[in-house]
Amino acid sequence: MSRVHDALRKAAQKPEEDPTLQTPVRQALNALGTQVLATPVPEMRQKAFGTVIETEPLDLEGILSQVAEYPFTPMPDALLVNTERPREAPGEEFRTLRTRLNHLQTLQPLHTLVVTSASPAEGKSFTATNLALTHAQLKGKRVMLADFDFRRPTVDKTFQLSASPGITDYLRGKAPLSDVIRKIASTDLYVMTSGESVPNPLELLNLTECRQLLEALRQHFDWVILDSPPLLFAADGNLLATMCDATILVVRIGATTFDAVTRALQSLCENNVLGTVVNGARRGELYSKYTYYHDYYQPSKTPHDEAETDA
């Protein structure tokens, strides 16, 4: 864990103290011998609070053929990677992270990934969403983005979808899974919003069908990316980490303290942490290092472009 700790200690420094860290999503994905914690699919589904109402296994492939498609109309200020400008620095950073993860996937069973942070406002939802979008850009890769942050969900707002029906509605038996899963049109990205607000998120995560759902998603998607609550503010993320293949911890430059990260790692028992994503660079410093390399590949300017430049 020494390499991870070194990276996290640097991330806790102010930007002006360590200029080498000025990238928006600079990751230190140190492969640490991830322990895979897969849960077998139960033979019998139990609805909320243990009442057995059906005995059929979850036929996710049949369900996916029934889901509705929704246009990709994200919130204007959602800070998503722009697929029309693939050479911009944020997109390059996420593609680098995607490449590392795909390589690790060839070395070990790795399909379900929890993206979390020690505290709020460190960029976990930003990272989870953009990582899912970047994975979905690869042809033939089926990707699921699931909002398991039942306390402060964001996926519905980011994609401008209704929060309900969502995961909590399915887990409580109030909605079929075919209504909960939504496909983003013209992509291989599927999303599951959090659902109706509940007073007992942790109890829902302990239900048998939550484990069954995660295992079924694992069997039918190349990547399942879970946005979870911060580790030091709720036990939800810790529980989800035990049910998934791996965890990525997001830290923010100048905001995340080394003590907070240490306690977050301890809460995870450090048993399936792939590494960290360092977030929060200055915009000017972010783009400076890409200027020389990518300018070489830019197409010649049109008169319209010249006019815009002069303006």
C-alpha atoms as a PDB file:
ATOM      1  CA  MET A   1       0.000   0.000   0.000  1.00  0.00           C
ATOM      2  CA  SER A   2       3.047   2.338   0.210  1.00  0.00           C
ATOM      3  CA  ARG A   3       2.636   3.523  -3.405  1.00  0.00           C
ATOM      4  CA  VAL A   4      -1.009   4.380  -2.892  1.00  0.00           C
ATOM      5  CA  HIS A   5      -0.236   6.215   0.341  1.00  0.00           C
ATOM      6  CA  ASP A   6       2.504   8.222  -1.385  1.00  0.00           C
ATOM      7  CA  ALA A   7       0.106   9.243  -4.151  1.00  0.00           C
ATOM      8  CA  LEU A   8      -2.601  10.189  -1.679  1.00  0.00           C
ATOM      9  CA  ARG A   9      -0.217  12.204   0.456  1.00  0.00           C
ATOM     10  CA  LYS A  10       0.735  14.232  -2.615  1.00  0.00           C
ATOM     11  CA  ALA A  11      -2.921  14.674  -3.544  1.00  0.00           C
ATOM     12  CA  ALA A  12      -3.615  16.240  -0.147  1.00  0.00           C
ATOM     13  CA  GLN A  13      -1.091  19.024  -0.831  1.00  0.00           C
ATOM     14  CA  LYS A  14      -2.168  22.409  -2.189  1.00  0.00           C
ATOM     15  CA  PRO A  15      -1.800  22.766  -5.972  1.00  0.00           C
ATOM     16  CA  GLU A  16       0.936  25.380  -5.642  1.00  0.00           C
ATOM     17  CA  GLU A  17       2.940  23.033  -3.413  1.00  0.00           C
ATOM     18  CA  ASP A  18       3.189  20.266  -6.007  1.00  0.00           C
ATOM     19  CA  PRO A  19       2.713  21.420  -9.620  1.00  0.00           C
ATOM     20  CA  THR A  20       3.317  17.908 -10.959  1.00  0.00           C
ATOM     21  CA  LEU A  21      -0.181  16.908  -9.862  1.00  0.00           C
ATOM     22  CA  GLN A  22      -2.017  19.451 -12.008  1.00  0.00           C
ATOM     23  CA  THR A  23      -4.207  17.091 -14.025  1.00  0.00           C
ATOM     24  CA  PRO A  24      -7.963  16.892 -13.618  1.00  0.00           C
ATOM     25  CA  VAL A  25      -8.266  13.182 -13.180  1.00  0.00           C
ATOM     26  CA  ARG A  26      -4.756  11.932 -12.709  1.00  0.00           C
ATOM     27  CA  GLN A  27      -4.975   8.389 -11.490  1.00  0.00           C
ATOM     28  CA  ALA A  28      -2.493   6.193  -9.697  1.00  0.00           C
ATOM     29  CA  LEU A  29      -4.087   2.850 -10.451  1.00  0.00           C
ATOM     30  CA  ASN A  30      -1.716   0.568  -8.585  1.00  0.00           C
ATOM     31  CA  ALA A  31      -2.743  -3.036  -9.098  1.00  0.00           C
ATOM     32  CA  LEU A  32      -2.741  -4.425  -5.570  1.00  0.00           C
ATOM     33  CA  GLY A  33      -3.853  -8.008  -6.049  1.00  0.00           C
ATOM     34  CA  THR A  34      -7.560  -7.200  -5.995  1.00  0.00           C
ATOM     35  CA  GLN A  35      -9.644  -9.682  -4.076  1.00  0.00           C
ATOM     36  CA  VAL A  36     -12.778 -10.558  -6.027  1.00  0.00           C
ATOM     37  CA  LEU A  37     -15.823 -10.779  -3.813  1.00  0.00           C
ATOM     38  CA  ALA A  38     -18.496 -12.285  -6.035  1.00  0.00           C
ATOM     39  CA  THR A  39     -21.846 -13.382  -4.655  1.00  0.00           C
ATOM     40  CA  PRO A  40     -23.656 -16.378  -6.217  1.00  0.00           C
ATOM     41  CA  VAL A  41     -27.047 -15.722  -7.749  1.00  0.00           C
ATOM     42  CA  PRO A  42     -29.630 -17.044  -5.289  1.00  0.00           C
ATOM     43  CA  GLU A  43     -32.174 -19.547  -6.597  1.00  0.00           C
ATOM     44  CA  MET A  44     -35.018 -17.624  -5.041  1.00  0.00           C
ATOM     45  CA  ARG A  45     -35.735 -13.901  -5.102  1.00  0.00           C
ATOM     46  CA  GLN A  46     -37.045 -12.301  -1.951  1.00  0.00           C
ATOM     47  CA  LYS A  47     -38.897  -9.049  -2.023  1.00  0.00           C
ATOM     48  CA  ALA A  48     -38.534  -6.381   0.633  1.00  0.00           C
ATOM     49  CA  PHE A  49     -38.081  -7.588   4.193  1.00  0.00           C
ATOM     50  CA  GLY A  50     -37.891 -11.284   3.356  1.00  0.00           C
ATOM     51  CA  THR A  51     -41.267 -12.116   1.828  1.00  0.00           C
ATOM     52  CA  VAL A  52     -40.765 -14.774  -0.852  1.00  0.00           C
ATOM     53  CA  ILE A  53     -42.937 -13.952  -3.848  1.00  0.00           C
ATOM     54  CA  GLU A  54     -41.230 -15.674  -6.776  1.00  0.00           C
ATOM     55  CA  THR A  55     -38.733 -18.445  -7.445  1.00  0.00           C
ATOM     56  CA  GLU A  56     -37.486 -17.656 -10.946  1.00  0.00           C
ATOM     57  CA  PRO A  57     -33.891 -16.473 -11.467  1.00  0.00           C
ATOM     58  CA  LEU A  58     -33.298 -12.991 -12.834  1.00  0.00           C
ATOM     59  CA  ASP A  59     -33.496 -13.131 -16.658  1.00  0.00           C
ATOM     60  CA  LEU A  60     -31.559  -9.956 -17.309  1.00  0.00           C
ATOM     61  CA  GLU A  61     -30.935 -10.591 -21.000  1.00  0.00           C
ATOM     62  CA  GLY A  62     -34.656 -10.789 -21.640  1.00  0.00           C
ATOM     63  CA  ILE A  63     -35.215  -7.679 -19.538  1.00  0.00           C
ATOM     64  CA  LEU A  64     -32.616  -5.687 -21.478  1.00  0.00           C
ATOM     65  CA  SER A  65     -34.504  -6.355 -24.700  1.00  0.00           C
ATOM     66  CA  GLN A  66     -37.530  -4.589 -23.199  1.00  0.00           C
ATOM     67  CA  VAL A  67     -35.944  -1.436 -21.775  1.00  0.00           C
ATOM     68  CA  ALA A  68     -36.830   1.971 -23.158  1.00  0.00           C
ATOM     69  CA  GLU A  69     -34.328   4.232 -24.915  1.00  0.00           C
ATOM     70  CA  TYR A  70     -33.837   7.863 -23.945  1.00  0.00           C
ATOM     71  CA  PRO A  71     -32.003  10.559 -25.938  1.00  0.00           C
ATOM     72  CA  PHE A  72     -28.650  11.746 -24.707  1.00  0.00           C
ATOM     73  CA  THR A  73     -29.590  15.200 -23.447  1.00  0.00           C
ATOM     74  CA  PRO A  74     -27.319  15.849 -20.464  1.00  0.00           C
ATOM     75  CA  MET A  75     -27.641  18.861 -18.232  1.00  0.00           C
ATOM     76  CA  PRO A  76     -25.733  21.759 -19.886  1.00  0.00           C
ATOM     77  CA  ASP A  77     -23.371  22.274 -16.945  1.00  0.00           C
ATOM     78  CA  ALA A  78     -22.866  18.574 -16.201  1.00  0.00           C
ATOM     79  CA  LEU A  79     -19.106  18.673 -17.020  1.00  0.00           C
ATOM     80  CA  LEU A  80     -19.264  15.565 -19.170  1.00  0.00           C
ATOM     81  CA  VAL A  81     -16.556  14.502 -21.604  1.00  0.00           C
ATOM     82  CA  ASN A  82     -17.336  15.967 -25.031  1.00  0.00           C
ATOM     83  CA  THR A  83     -17.369  13.115 -27.556  1.00  0.00           C
ATOM     84  CA  GLU A  84     -17.179  15.642 -30.399  1.00  0.00           C
ATOM     85  CA  ARG A  85     -13.827  16.912 -29.078  1.00  0.00           C
ATOM     86  CA  PRO A  86     -11.988  13.700 -28.259  1.00  0.00           C
ATOM     87  CA  ARG A  87      -8.553  15.310 -28.021  1.00  0.00           C
ATOM     88  CA  GLU A  88      -9.413  17.626 -25.147  1.00  0.00           C
ATOM     89  CA  ALA A  89      -7.394  16.932 -22.013  1.00  0.00           C
ATOM     90  CA  PRO A  90     -10.234  15.648 -19.772  1.00  0.00           C
ATOM     91  CA  GLY A  91     -11.197  13.077 -22.395  1.00  0.00           C
ATOM     92  CA  GLU A  92      -7.576  11.958 -22.692  1.00  0.00           C
ATOM     93  CA  GLU A  93      -7.342  11.455 -18.939  1.00  0.00           C
ATOM     94  CA  PHE A  94     -10.452   9.305 -18.809  1.00  0.00           C
ATOM     95  CA  ARG A  95      -9.330   7.254 -21.790  1.00  0.00           C
ATOM     96  CA  THR A  96      -6.042   6.626 -19.974  1.00  0.00           C
ATOM     97  CA  LEU A  97      -7.979   5.426 -16.954  1.00  0.00           C
ATOM     98  CA  ARG A  98     -10.182   3.278 -19.201  1.00  0.00           C
ATOM     99  CA  THR A  99      -7.115   1.687 -20.787  1.00  0.00           C
ATOM    100  CA  ARG A 100      -5.642   0.822 -17.381  1.00  0.00           C
ATOM    101  CA  LEU A 101      -8.896  -0.752 -16.248  1.00  0.00           C
ATOM    102  CA  ASN A 102      -9.346  -2.751 -19.437  1.00  0.00           C
ATOM    103  CA  HIS A 103      -5.812  -4.085 -19.033  1.00  0.00           C
ATOM    104  CA  LEU A 104      -6.493  -5.106 -15.440  1.00  0.00           C
ATOM    105  CA  GLN A 105      -9.655  -6.829 -16.647  1.00  0.00           C
ATOM    106  CA  THR A 106      -7.525  -9.148 -18.780  1.00  0.00           C
ATOM    107  CA  LEU A 107      -5.562 -10.170 -15.686  1.00  0.00           C
ATOM    108  CA  GLN A 108      -8.389 -10.828 -13.236  1.00  0.00           C
ATOM    109  CA  PRO A 109     -12.208 -11.027 -13.087  1.00  0.00           C
ATOM    110  CA  LEU A 110     -13.135  -7.350 -13.004  1.00  0.00           C
ATOM    111  CA  HIS A 111     -16.587  -6.130 -14.037  1.00  0.00           C
ATOM    112  CA  THR A 112     -18.262  -4.344 -11.096  1.00  0.00           C
ATOM    113  CA  LEU A 113     -16.531  -1.188  -9.934  1.00  0.00           C
ATOM    114  CA  VAL A 114     -17.464   1.070  -7.007  1.00  0.00           C
ATOM    115  CA  VAL A 115     -16.445   4.718  -7.408  1.00  0.00           C
ATOM    116  CA  THR A 116     -16.432   6.532  -4.083  1.00  0.00           C
ATOM    117  CA  SER A 117     -14.627   9.149  -2.012  1.00  0.00           C
ATOM    118  CA  ALA A 118     -13.809   9.843   1.599  1.00  0.00           C
ATOM    119  CA  SER A 119     -16.004  12.945   1.866  1.00  0.00           C
ATOM    120  CA  PRO A 120     -18.611  14.792  -0.248  1.00  0.00           C
ATOM    121  CA  ALA A 121     -17.738  17.183  -3.093  1.00  0.00           C
ATOM    122  CA  GLU A 122     -14.559  15.393  -4.144  1.00  0.00           C
ATOM    123  CA  GLY A 123     -15.720  14.379  -7.641  1.00  0.00           C
ATOM    124  CA  LYS A 124     -16.878  10.761  -7.313  1.00  0.00           C
ATOM    125  CA  SER A 125     -20.066  11.257  -9.368  1.00  0.00           C
ATOM    126  CA  PHE A 126     -18.166  13.278 -11.959  1.00  0.00           C
ATOM    127  CA  THR A 127     -15.618  10.474 -12.240  1.00  0.00           C
ATOM    128  CA  ALA A 128     -18.148   7.630 -12.304  1.00  0.00           C
ATOM    129  CA  THR A 129     -20.265   9.255 -15.008  1.00  0.00           C
ATOM    130  CA  ASN A 130     -17.389  10.207 -17.296  1.00  0.00           C
ATOM    131  CA  LEU A 131     -15.710   6.847 -16.863  1.00  0.00           C
ATOM    132  CA  ALA A 132     -18.959   5.114 -17.866  1.00  0.00           C
ATOM    133  CA  LEU A 133     -19.341   7.378 -20.910  1.00  0.00           C
ATOM    134  CA  THR A 134     -15.740   6.757 -21.947  1.00  0.00           C
ATOM    135  CA  HIS A 135     -16.108   2.977 -21.645  1.00  0.00           C
ATOM    136  CA  ALA A 136     -19.324   3.091 -23.674  1.00  0.00           C
ATOM    137  CA  GLN A 137     -17.483   4.780 -26.552  1.00  0.00           C
ATOM    138  CA  LEU A 138     -15.735   1.501 -27.338  1.00  0.00           C
ATOM    139  CA  LYS A 139     -17.688  -0.589 -29.818  1.00  0.00           C
ATOM    140  CA  GLY A 140     -19.106  -3.780 -28.432  1.00  0.00           C
ATOM    141  CA  LYS A 141     -18.718  -2.718 -24.789  1.00  0.00           C
ATOM    142  CA  ARG A 142     -21.973  -2.802 -22.839  1.00  0.00           C
ATOM    143  CA  VAL A 143     -21.746  -0.462 -19.848  1.00  0.00           C
ATOM    144  CA  MET A 144     -24.045   0.140 -16.873  1.00  0.00           C
ATOM    145  CA  LEU A 145     -23.938   3.296 -14.731  1.00  0.00           C
ATOM    146  CA  ALA A 146     -25.892   2.679 -11.521  1.00  0.00           C
ATOM    147  CA  ASP A 147     -26.642   5.391  -8.968  1.00  0.00           C
ATOM    148  CA  PHE A 148     -26.374   3.639  -5.608  1.00  0.00           C
ATOM    149  CA  ASP A 149     -26.040   6.930  -3.758  1.00  0.00           C
ATOM    150  CA  PHE A 150     -29.568   6.807  -2.385  1.00  0.00           C
ATOM    151  CA  ARG A 151     -28.849   9.751  -0.078  1.00  0.00           C
ATOM    152  CA  ARG A 152     -27.739  12.390  -2.604  1.00  0.00           C
ATOM    153  CA  PRO A 153     -28.292  10.986  -6.130  1.00  0.00           C
ATOM    154  CA  THR A 154     -27.009  12.805  -9.204  1.00  0.00           C
ATOM    155  CA  VAL A 155     -27.346  10.507 -12.246  1.00  0.00           C
ATOM    156  CA  ASP A 156     -30.973  11.484 -12.863  1.00  0.00           C
ATOM    157  CA  LYS A 157     -30.060  15.178 -12.873  1.00  0.00           C
ATOM    158  CA  THR A 158     -26.985  14.692 -15.043  1.00  0.00           C
ATOM    159  CA  PHE A 159     -28.931  12.877 -17.779  1.00  0.00           C
ATOM    160  CA  GLN A 160     -32.158  14.804 -17.136  1.00  0.00           C
ATOM    161  CA  LEU A 161     -34.157  11.667 -16.360  1.00  0.00           C
ATOM    162  CA  SER A 162     -36.786  11.093 -13.721  1.00  0.00           C
ATOM    163  CA  ALA A 163     -35.328   9.696 -10.507  1.00  0.00           C
ATOM    164  CA  SER A 164     -38.157   7.185 -10.155  1.00  0.00           C
ATOM    165  CA  PRO A 165     -38.639   4.383 -11.000  1.00  0.00           C
ATOM    166  CA  GLY A 166     -35.142   3.532  -9.886  1.00  0.00           C
ATOM    167  CA  ILE A 167     -33.097   1.076  -7.874  1.00  0.00           C
ATOM    168  CA  THR A 168     -34.876   1.649  -4.565  1.00  0.00           C
ATOM    169  CA  ASP A 169     -38.252   1.101  -6.244  1.00  0.00           C
ATOM    170  CA  TYR A 170     -37.075  -2.218  -7.659  1.00  0.00           C
ATOM    171  CA  LEU A 171     -35.579  -3.387  -4.371  1.00  0.00           C
ATOM    172  CA  ARG A 172     -38.851  -2.621  -2.578  1.00  0.00           C
ATOM    173  CA  GLY A 173     -40.896  -4.443  -5.221  1.00  0.00           C
ATOM    174  CA  LYS A 174     -42.576  -1.275  -6.482  1.00  0.00           C
ATOM    175  CA  ALA A 175     -41.256  -1.379 -10.058  1.00  0.00           C
ATOM    176  CA  PRO A 176     -40.087  -4.071 -12.486  1.00  0.00           C
ATOM    177  CA  LEU A 177     -36.443  -4.027 -13.505  1.00  0.00           C
ATOM    178  CA  SER A 178     -37.408  -3.368 -17.134  1.00  0.00           C
ATOM    179  CA  ASP A 179     -38.719   0.053 -16.050  1.00  0.00           C
ATOM    180  CA  VAL A 180     -35.676   0.809 -13.907  1.00  0.00           C
ATOM    181  CA  ILE A 181     -32.995   0.170 -16.540  1.00  0.00           C
ATOM    182  CA  ARG A 182     -32.825   2.810 -19.273  1.00  0.00           C
ATOM    183  CA  LYS A 183     -30.698   2.814 -22.397  1.00  0.00           C
ATOM    184  CA  ILE A 184     -29.122   5.972 -23.739  1.00  0.00           C
ATOM    185  CA  ALA A 185     -29.991   6.125 -27.439  1.00  0.00           C
ATOM    186  CA  SER A 186     -27.232   5.523 -30.023  1.00  0.00           C
ATOM    187  CA  THR A 187     -24.844   4.235 -27.350  1.00  0.00           C
ATOM    188  CA  ASP A 188     -24.139   1.067 -25.395  1.00  0.00           C
ATOM    189  CA  LEU A 189     -24.604   2.951 -22.126  1.00  0.00           C
ATOM    190  CA  TYR A 190     -27.378   1.922 -19.748  1.00  0.00           C
ATOM    191  CA  VAL A 191     -28.267   3.844 -16.597  1.00  0.00           C
ATOM    192  CA  MET A 192     -30.152   3.105 -13.419  1.00  0.00           C
ATOM    193  CA  THR A 193     -31.266   6.084 -11.363  1.00  0.00           C
ATOM    194  CA  SER A 194     -31.474   5.895  -7.584  1.00  0.00           C
ATOM    195  CA  GLY A 195     -35.265   5.834  -7.298  1.00  0.00           C
ATOM    196  CA  GLU A 196     -37.613   7.171  -4.669  1.00  0.00           C
ATOM    197  CA  SER A 197     -35.999   8.503  -1.501  1.00  0.00           C
ATOM    198  CA  VAL A 198     -35.988   6.000   1.363  1.00  0.00           C
ATOM    199  CA  PRO A 199     -35.297   6.365   5.097  1.00  0.00           C
ATOM    200  CA  ASN A 200     -33.285   3.129   5.285  1.00  0.00           C
ATOM    201  CA  PRO A 201     -30.767   2.903   2.399  1.00  0.00           C
ATOM    202  CA  LEU A 202     -28.459   0.482   4.181  1.00  0.00           C
ATOM    203  CA  GLU A 203     -31.280  -1.977   4.872  1.00  0.00           C
ATOM    204  CA  LEU A 204     -32.147  -2.051   1.172  1.00  0.00           C
ATOM    205  CA  LEU A 205     -28.546  -2.807   0.249  1.00  0.00           C
ATOM    206  CA  ASN A 206     -28.621  -5.793   2.609  1.00  0.00           C
ATOM    207  CA  LEU A 207     -31.570  -7.388   0.812  1.00  0.00           C
ATOM    208  CA  THR A 208     -30.999 -10.600  -1.109  1.00  0.00           C
ATOM    209  CA  GLU A 209     -32.169  -9.082  -4.379  1.00  0.00           C
ATOM    210  CA  CYS A 210     -29.547  -6.350  -4.190  1.00  0.00           C
ATOM    211  CA  ARG A 211     -26.806  -8.979  -4.288  1.00  0.00           C
ATOM    212  CA  GLN A 212     -28.711 -10.850  -6.974  1.00  0.00           C
ATOM    213  CA  LEU A 213     -29.037  -7.695  -9.057  1.00  0.00           C
ATOM    214  CA  LEU A 214     -25.343  -6.872  -8.846  1.00  0.00           C
ATOM    215  CA  GLU A 215     -24.343 -10.394  -9.803  1.00  0.00           C
ATOM    216  CA  ALA A 216     -26.776 -10.431 -12.745  1.00  0.00           C
ATOM    217  CA  LEU A 217     -25.409  -7.085 -13.958  1.00  0.00           C
ATOM    218  CA  ARG A 218     -21.914  -8.469 -13.618  1.00  0.00           C
ATOM    219  CA  GLN A 219     -22.835 -11.417 -15.842  1.00  0.00           C
ATOM    220  CA  HIS A 220     -24.379  -9.300 -18.617  1.00  0.00           C
ATOM    221  CA  PHE A 221     -22.300  -6.105 -18.765  1.00  0.00           C
ATOM    222  CA  ASP A 222     -18.656  -5.556 -19.610  1.00  0.00           C
ATOM    223  CA  TRP A 223     -18.516  -2.830 -16.965  1.00  0.00           C
ATOM    224  CA  VAL A 224     -20.882  -1.973 -14.121  1.00  0.00           C
ATOM    225  CA  ILE A 225     -19.907   1.336 -12.511  1.00  0.00           C
ATOM    226  CA  LEU A 226     -21.548   2.201  -9.198  1.00  0.00           C
ATOM    227  CA  ASP A 227     -21.717   5.729  -7.814  1.00  0.00           C
ATOM    228  CA  SER A 228     -21.815   5.275  -4.038  1.00  0.00           C
ATOM    229  CA  PRO A 229     -22.027   7.589  -1.001  1.00  0.00           C
ATOM    230  CA  PRO A 230     -18.809   8.904   0.610  1.00  0.00           C
ATOM    231  CA  LEU A 231     -17.183   6.324   2.861  1.00  0.00           C
ATOM    232  CA  LEU A 232     -16.860   8.488   5.976  1.00  0.00           C
ATOM    233  CA  PHE A 233     -20.468   9.718   5.924  1.00  0.00           C
ATOM    234  CA  ALA A 234     -22.383   6.464   5.390  1.00  0.00           C
ATOM    235  CA  ALA A 235     -21.718   2.737   5.569  1.00  0.00           C
ATOM    236  CA  ASP A 236     -23.358   2.161   2.155  1.00  0.00           C
ATOM    237  CA  GLY A 237     -20.114   2.420   0.196  1.00  0.00           C
ATOM    238  CA  ASN A 238     -18.331  -0.034   2.463  1.00  0.00           C
ATOM    239  CA  LEU A 239     -21.080  -2.612   1.991  1.00  0.00           C
ATOM    240  CA  LEU A 240     -21.184  -2.119  -1.781  1.00  0.00           C
ATOM    241  CA  ALA A 241     -17.420  -2.585  -1.939  1.00  0.00           C
ATOM    242  CA  THR A 242     -17.747  -6.052  -0.425  1.00  0.00           C
ATOM    243  CA  MET A 243     -20.274  -7.008  -3.108  1.00  0.00           C
ATOM    244  CA  CYS A 244     -18.260  -5.740  -6.087  1.00  0.00           C
ATOM    245  CA  ASP A 245     -14.990  -6.664  -7.733  1.00  0.00           C
ATOM    246  CA  ALA A 246     -13.035  -3.491  -7.010  1.00  0.00           C
ATOM    247  CA  THR A 247     -13.129   0.063  -5.671  1.00  0.00           C
ATOM    248  CA  ILE A 248     -11.633   3.327  -6.903  1.00  0.00           C
ATOM    249  CA  LEU A 249     -11.197   6.165  -4.433  1.00  0.00           C
ATOM    250  CA  VAL A 250     -11.531   9.747  -5.726  1.00  0.00           C
ATOM    251  CA  VAL A 251      -9.528  12.481  -3.971  1.00  0.00           C
ATOM    252  CA  ARG A 252      -9.499  16.198  -4.691  1.00  0.00           C
ATOM    253  CA  ILE A 253      -6.362  18.312  -4.850  1.00  0.00           C
ATOM    254  CA  GLY A 254      -6.198  20.808  -2.008  1.00  0.00           C
ATOM    255  CA  ALA A 255      -9.379  19.483  -0.369  1.00  0.00           C
ATOM    256  CA  THR A 256      -8.949  15.837   0.601  1.00  0.00           C
ATOM    257  CA  THR A 257      -6.820  15.349   3.707  1.00  0.00           C
ATOM    258  CA  PHE A 258      -4.418  12.478   4.117  1.00  0.00           C
ATOM    259  CA  ASP A 259      -6.115  11.565   7.396  1.00  0.00           C
ATOM    260  CA  ALA A 260      -9.516  11.302   5.675  1.00  0.00           C
ATOM    261  CA  VAL A 261      -8.109   9.064   2.946  1.00  0.00           C
ATOM    262  CA  THR A 262      -6.338   6.867   5.501  1.00  0.00           C
ATOM    263  CA  ARG A 263      -9.557   6.378   7.450  1.00  0.00           C
ATOM    264  CA  ALA A 264     -11.488   5.690   4.231  1.00  0.00           C
ATOM    265  CA  LEU A 265      -9.005   2.997   3.195  1.00  0.00           C
ATOM    266  CA  GLN A 266      -9.163   1.461   6.644  1.00  0.00           C
ATOM    267  CA  SER A 267     -12.955   1.315   6.431  1.00  0.00           C
ATOM    268  CA  LEU A 268     -12.583  -0.676   3.199  1.00  0.00           C
ATOM    269  CA  CYS A 269     -10.074  -3.020   4.873  1.00  0.00           C
ATOM    270  CA  GLU A 270      -7.860  -2.221   1.862  1.00  0.00           C
ATOM    271  CA  ASN A 271      -8.848  -5.551   0.331  1.00  0.00           C
ATOM    272  CA  ASN A 272     -10.132  -4.578  -3.113  1.00  0.00           C
ATOM    273  CA  VAL A 273      -8.921  -1.032  -3.719  1.00  0.00           C
ATOM    274  CA  LEU A 274      -7.475  -0.662  -7.218  1.00  0.00           C
ATOM    275  CA  GLY A 275      -6.115   2.828  -6.687  1.00  0.00           C
ATOM    276  CA  THR A 276      -6.999   6.516  -6.693  1.00  0.00           C
ATOM    277  CA  VAL A 277      -8.274   9.163  -9.080  1.00  0.00           C
ATOM    278  CA  VAL A 278      -6.870  12.605  -8.339  1.00  0.00           C
ATOM    279  CA  ASN A 279      -9.318  15.352  -9.257  1.00  0.00           C
ATOM    280  CA  GLY A 280      -9.350  19.152  -9.227  1.00  0.00           C
ATOM    281  CA  ALA A 281      -6.720  20.746 -11.482  1.00  0.00           C
ATOM    282  CA  ARG A 282      -6.477  24.339 -12.599  1.00  0.00           C
ATOM    283  CA  ARG A 283      -7.833  24.739 -16.087  1.00  0.00           C
ATOM    284  CA  GLY A 284      -4.822  26.616 -17.473  1.00  0.00           C
ATOM    285  CA  GLU A 285      -2.308  24.115 -16.170  1.00  0.00           C
ATOM    286  CA  LEU A 286      -4.508  21.271 -17.392  1.00  0.00           C
ATOM    287  CA  TYR A 287      -4.375  22.287 -21.030  1.00  0.00           C
ATOM    288  CA  SER A 288      -0.799  23.584 -21.224  1.00  0.00           C
ATOM    289  CA  LYS A 289       0.879  20.184 -21.433  1.00  0.00           C
ATOM    290  CA  TYR A 290      -1.407  19.025 -24.269  1.00  0.00           C
ATOM    291  CA  THR A 291      -0.994  22.098 -26.469  1.00  0.00           C
ATOM    292  CA  TYR A 292       2.151  21.166 -28.389  1.00  0.00           C
ATOM    293  CA  TYR A 293       1.239  17.545 -29.080  1.00  0.00           C
ATOM    294  CA  HIS A 294      -2.392  18.014 -30.113  1.00  0.00           C
ATOM    295  CA  ASP A 295      -1.927  21.209 -32.123  1.00  0.00           C
ATOM    296  CA  TYR A 296       0.099  19.129 -34.590  1.00  0.00           C
ATOM    297  CA  TYR A 297      -3.012  17.091 -35.405  1.00  0.00           C
ATOM    298  CA  GLN A 298      -5.503  19.950 -35.652  1.00  0.00           C
ATOM    299  CA  PRO A 299      -7.044  20.446 -39.117  1.00  0.00           C
ATOM    300  CA  SER A 300      -6.308  23.634 -40.992  1.00  0.00           C
ATOM    301  CA  LYS A 301      -8.395  26.577 -39.916  1.00  0.00           C
ATOM    302  CA  THR A 302     -11.251  27.698 -42.099  1.00  0.00           C
ATOM    303  CA  PRO A 303     -12.003  31.370 -42.719  1.00  0.00           C
ATOM    304  CA  HIS A 304     -14.866  31.017 -40.249  1.00  0.00           C
ATOM    305  CA  ASP A 305     -12.459  29.732 -37.622  1.00  0.00           C
ATOM    306  CA  GLU A 306     -10.058  32.589 -38.338  1.00  0.00           C
ATOM    307  CA  ALA A 307     -12.866  35.086 -37.840  1.00  0.00           C
ATOM    308  CA  GLU A 308     -13.783  33.547 -34.540  1.00  0.00           C
ATOM    309  CA  THR A 309     -10.128  33.624 -33.446  1.00  0.00           C
ATOM    310  CA  ASP A 310      -9.765  37.300 -34.335  1.00  0.00           C
ATOM    311  CA  ALA A 311     -12.976  38.102 -32.452  1.00  0.00           C
END
